[in-house]
Amino acid sequence: MSFIWSLIVGGVIGWLAGLIAGRNIPGGIIGNIIAGFVGAWLGTAILGNWGPHVADFAIIPAIIGAVVLVLLLSFIMRAFRKAG
């Protein structure tokens, strides 16, 4: 049950990151979950493991990391579209 809870929280973090960044995450729900997990890892690696925790995610660093990830991916995808 904790794995399902982690998927839900990761999806919500990815969805919030897309809303905050104002960018769409490719892949829909799966993309949101991946962005949430990778963003949580990135945010925790950069900012540390502080703030409120839900399903083993430090929420504030996870959201910040996911926003950074979404912005980086959108800039990379935009550069590939211009080059192609």
N, C-alpha and C. Protein backbone atom coordinates (compact mmCIF):
# COMPACT_ATOMS: atom_id res chain seq x y z
N MET A 1 0.82 -1.19 0.00
CA MET A 1 0.00 0.00 0.00
C MET A 1 0.87 1.26 0.00
N SER A 2 2.05 1.21 0.62
CA SER A 2 2.91 2.39 0.65
C SER A 2 3.44 2.72 -0.74
N PHE A 3 3.60 1.70 -1.61
CA PHE A 3 4.06 1.95 -2.98
C PHE A 3 3.00 2.73 -3.75
N ILE A 4 1.74 2.36 -3.59
CA ILE A 4 0.66 3.08 -4.26
C ILE A 4 0.57 4.51 -3.74
N TRP A 5 0.73 4.68 -2.45
CA TRP A 5 0.71 6.02 -1.85
C TRP A 5 1.86 6.85 -2.41
N SER A 6 3.04 6.26 -2.58
CA SER A 6 4.18 6.97 -3.15
C SER A 6 3.90 7.39 -4.59
N LEU A 7 3.25 6.52 -5.37
CA LEU A 7 2.90 6.87 -6.74
C LEU A 7 1.93 8.05 -6.78
N ILE A 8 0.96 8.04 -5.88
CA ILE A 8 -0.02 9.12 -5.84
C ILE A 8 0.66 10.43 -5.45
N VAL A 9 1.48 10.41 -4.42
CA VAL A 9 2.16 11.64 -3.97
C VAL A 9 3.13 12.12 -5.05
N GLY A 10 3.85 11.20 -5.70
CA GLY A 10 4.75 11.59 -6.78
C GLY A 10 4.00 12.23 -7.93
N GLY A 11 2.82 11.68 -8.27
CA GLY A 11 2.00 12.27 -9.33
C GLY A 11 1.51 13.65 -8.97
N VAL A 12 1.11 13.85 -7.73
CA VAL A 12 0.64 15.17 -7.29
C VAL A 12 1.79 16.17 -7.31
N ILE A 13 2.97 15.75 -6.89
CA ILE A 13 4.13 16.65 -6.91
C ILE A 13 4.46 17.05 -8.35
N GLY A 14 4.45 16.09 -9.27
CA GLY A 14 4.69 16.40 -10.68
C GLY A 14 3.64 17.31 -11.26
N TRP A 15 2.37 17.07 -10.91
CA TRP A 15 1.27 17.91 -11.38
C TRP A 15 1.42 19.34 -10.87
N LEU A 16 1.75 19.48 -9.57
CA LEU A 16 1.96 20.82 -9.00
C LEU A 16 3.13 21.53 -9.66
N ALA A 17 4.19 20.78 -9.95
CA ALA A 17 5.34 21.38 -10.61
C ALA A 17 4.97 21.91 -11.98
N GLY A 18 4.16 21.16 -12.72
CA GLY A 18 3.70 21.63 -14.02
C GLY A 18 2.84 22.88 -13.91
N LEU A 19 1.99 22.94 -12.88
CA LEU A 19 1.16 24.13 -12.67
C LEU A 19 2.01 25.34 -12.29
N ILE A 20 2.96 25.14 -11.39
CA ILE A 20 3.80 26.25 -10.94
C ILE A 20 4.68 26.76 -12.07
N ALA A 21 5.25 25.82 -12.84
CA ALA A 21 6.13 26.21 -13.94
C ALA A 21 5.36 26.73 -15.14
N GLY A 22 4.06 26.42 -15.22
CA GLY A 22 3.26 26.85 -16.35
C GLY A 22 3.57 26.07 -17.62
N ARG A 23 4.08 24.86 -17.46
CA ARG A 23 4.45 24.01 -18.61
C ARG A 23 3.73 22.68 -18.50
N ASN A 24 3.45 22.08 -19.63
CA ASN A 24 2.86 20.74 -19.65
C ASN A 24 3.97 19.70 -19.55
N ILE A 25 3.72 18.67 -18.79
CA ILE A 25 4.67 17.57 -18.68
C ILE A 25 4.24 16.50 -19.68
N PRO A 26 5.13 16.13 -20.61
CA PRO A 26 4.74 15.09 -21.57
C PRO A 26 4.52 13.75 -20.86
N GLY A 27 3.59 12.97 -21.36
CA GLY A 27 3.36 11.65 -20.80
C GLY A 27 2.17 11.57 -19.87
N GLY A 28 1.47 12.66 -19.64
CA GLY A 28 0.27 12.63 -18.81
C GLY A 28 0.56 12.21 -17.37
N ILE A 29 -0.23 11.26 -16.88
CA ILE A 29 -0.12 10.83 -15.48
C ILE A 29 1.25 10.18 -15.22
N ILE A 30 1.70 9.35 -16.16
CA ILE A 30 3.00 8.68 -15.99
C ILE A 30 4.11 9.73 -15.96
N GLY A 31 4.02 10.73 -16.83
CA GLY A 31 5.01 11.81 -16.84
C GLY A 31 5.01 12.59 -15.53
N ASN A 32 3.83 12.82 -14.96
CA ASN A 32 3.74 13.51 -13.67
C ASN A 32 4.39 12.69 -12.57
N ILE A 33 4.15 11.39 -12.58
CA ILE A 33 4.73 10.53 -11.55
C ILE A 33 6.25 10.52 -11.68
N ILE A 34 6.75 10.38 -12.90
CA ILE A 34 8.20 10.37 -13.10
C ILE A 34 8.80 11.72 -12.71
N ALA A 35 8.16 12.82 -13.12
CA ALA A 35 8.65 14.14 -12.74
C ALA A 35 8.63 14.32 -11.23
N GLY A 36 7.62 13.79 -10.56
CA GLY A 36 7.55 13.88 -9.10
C GLY A 36 8.67 13.12 -8.43
N PHE A 37 8.93 11.89 -8.89
CA PHE A 37 10.00 11.08 -8.29
C PHE A 37 11.38 11.67 -8.57
N VAL A 38 11.64 12.02 -9.82
CA VAL A 38 12.96 12.58 -10.17
C VAL A 38 13.13 13.96 -9.52
N GLY A 39 12.07 14.75 -9.52
CA GLY A 39 12.14 16.06 -8.88
C GLY A 39 12.36 15.95 -7.38
N ALA A 40 11.74 14.96 -6.74
CA ALA A 40 11.96 14.75 -5.31
C ALA A 40 13.40 14.36 -5.05
N TRP A 41 13.94 13.50 -5.89
CA TRP A 41 15.34 13.11 -5.72
C TRP A 41 16.25 14.32 -5.93
N LEU A 42 16.00 15.10 -6.98
CA LEU A 42 16.80 16.27 -7.29
C LEU A 42 16.71 17.31 -6.17
N GLY A 43 15.49 17.60 -5.73
CA GLY A 43 15.30 18.59 -4.67
C GLY A 43 15.93 18.18 -3.36
N THR A 44 15.82 16.90 -3.02
CA THR A 44 16.44 16.42 -1.78
C THR A 44 17.95 16.43 -1.89
N ALA A 45 18.49 16.12 -3.06
CA ALA A 45 19.95 16.14 -3.25
C ALA A 45 20.50 17.56 -3.14
N ILE A 46 19.75 18.53 -3.66
CA ILE A 46 20.24 19.92 -3.66
C ILE A 46 19.92 20.63 -2.34
N LEU A 47 18.68 20.49 -1.87
CA LEU A 47 18.22 21.28 -0.72
C LEU A 47 18.21 20.53 0.60
N GLY A 48 18.35 19.22 0.57
CA GLY A 48 18.32 18.45 1.81
C GLY A 48 16.94 17.89 2.09
N ASN A 49 16.83 17.20 3.19
CA ASN A 49 15.62 16.48 3.56
C ASN A 49 14.93 17.20 4.71
N TRP A 50 14.28 18.32 4.43
CA TRP A 50 13.65 19.12 5.47
C TRP A 50 12.19 19.39 5.10
N GLY A 51 11.46 19.91 6.01
CA GLY A 51 10.06 20.25 5.77
C GLY A 51 9.15 19.07 6.06
N PRO A 52 7.87 19.25 5.78
CA PRO A 52 6.91 18.17 6.03
C PRO A 52 7.15 16.99 5.10
N HIS A 53 6.91 15.79 5.62
CA HIS A 53 7.10 14.56 4.86
C HIS A 53 5.76 13.86 4.66
N VAL A 54 5.53 13.41 3.42
CA VAL A 54 4.37 12.59 3.09
C VAL A 54 4.88 11.46 2.21
N ALA A 55 4.62 10.23 2.61
CA ALA A 55 5.04 9.03 1.86
C ALA A 55 6.53 9.06 1.57
N ASP A 56 7.33 9.43 2.55
CA ASP A 56 8.79 9.51 2.46
C ASP A 56 9.28 10.57 1.49
N PHE A 57 8.44 11.51 1.09
CA PHE A 57 8.85 12.65 0.27
C PHE A 57 8.93 13.88 1.18
N ALA A 58 10.05 14.59 1.14
CA ALA A 58 10.12 15.91 1.77
C ALA A 58 9.43 16.86 0.80
N ILE A 59 8.25 17.31 1.12
CA ILE A 59 7.36 17.96 0.16
C ILE A 59 7.95 19.23 -0.45
N ILE A 60 8.47 20.13 0.35
CA ILE A 60 8.95 21.41 -0.19
C ILE A 60 10.15 21.22 -1.11
N PRO A 61 11.21 20.50 -0.71
CA PRO A 61 12.31 20.27 -1.66
C PRO A 61 11.87 19.47 -2.88
N ALA A 62 10.92 18.56 -2.72
CA ALA A 62 10.44 17.77 -3.86
C ALA A 62 9.74 18.64 -4.88
N ILE A 63 8.89 19.55 -4.44
CA ILE A 63 8.19 20.44 -5.36
C ILE A 63 9.18 21.37 -6.05
N ILE A 64 10.12 21.93 -5.30
CA ILE A 64 11.11 22.82 -5.90
C ILE A 64 11.96 22.06 -6.92
N GLY A 65 12.39 20.86 -6.58
CA GLY A 65 13.17 20.05 -7.51
C GLY A 65 12.38 19.68 -8.75
N ALA A 66 11.10 19.37 -8.59
CA ALA A 66 10.27 19.02 -9.74
C ALA A 66 10.03 20.23 -10.64
N VAL A 67 9.87 21.41 -10.06
CA VAL A 67 9.72 22.62 -10.87
C VAL A 67 10.99 22.87 -11.68
N VAL A 68 12.14 22.73 -11.05
CA VAL A 68 13.42 22.90 -11.75
C VAL A 68 13.52 21.88 -12.89
N LEU A 69 13.16 20.65 -12.61
CA LEU A 69 13.20 19.60 -13.63
C LEU A 69 12.28 19.92 -14.80
N VAL A 70 11.06 20.34 -14.53
CA VAL A 70 10.10 20.66 -15.59
C VAL A 70 10.62 21.83 -16.43
N LEU A 71 11.17 22.85 -15.80
CA LEU A 71 11.71 23.98 -16.55
C LEU A 71 12.89 23.56 -17.42
N LEU A 72 13.80 22.75 -16.87
CA LEU A 72 14.94 22.26 -17.65
C LEU A 72 14.48 21.44 -18.84
N LEU A 73 13.55 20.53 -18.63
CA LEU A 73 13.04 19.71 -19.73
C LEU A 73 12.35 20.55 -20.79
N SER A 74 11.60 21.55 -20.38
CA SER A 74 10.92 22.38 -21.37
C SER A 74 11.91 23.19 -22.20
N PHE A 75 13.00 23.68 -21.58
CA PHE A 75 14.02 24.40 -22.33
C PHE A 75 14.76 23.48 -23.30
N ILE A 76 15.06 22.26 -22.86
CA ILE A 76 15.74 21.29 -23.72
C ILE A 76 14.84 20.90 -24.89
N MET A 77 13.57 20.64 -24.61
CA MET A 77 12.64 20.26 -25.69
C MET A 77 12.44 21.41 -26.68
N ARG A 78 12.41 22.63 -26.18
CA ARG A 78 12.27 23.80 -27.06
C ARG A 78 13.50 23.94 -27.96
N ALA A 79 14.69 23.70 -27.40
CA ALA A 79 15.92 23.79 -28.19
C ALA A 79 15.95 22.73 -29.29
N PHE A 80 15.47 21.51 -28.99
CA PHE A 80 15.43 20.46 -30.01
C PHE A 80 14.41 20.79 -31.10
N ARG A 81 13.29 21.40 -30.73
CA ARG A 81 12.30 21.76 -31.74
C ARG A 81 12.83 22.84 -32.68
N LYS A 82 13.59 23.81 -32.14
CA LYS A 82 14.15 24.88 -32.98
C LYS A 82 15.25 24.32 -33.88
N ALA A 83 16.03 23.37 -33.37
CA ALA A 83 17.14 22.81 -34.16
C ALA A 83 16.63 21.91 -35.26
N GLY A 84 15.47 21.27 -35.05
CA GLY A 84 14.98 20.28 -36.02
C GLY A 84 14.11 20.80 -37.06
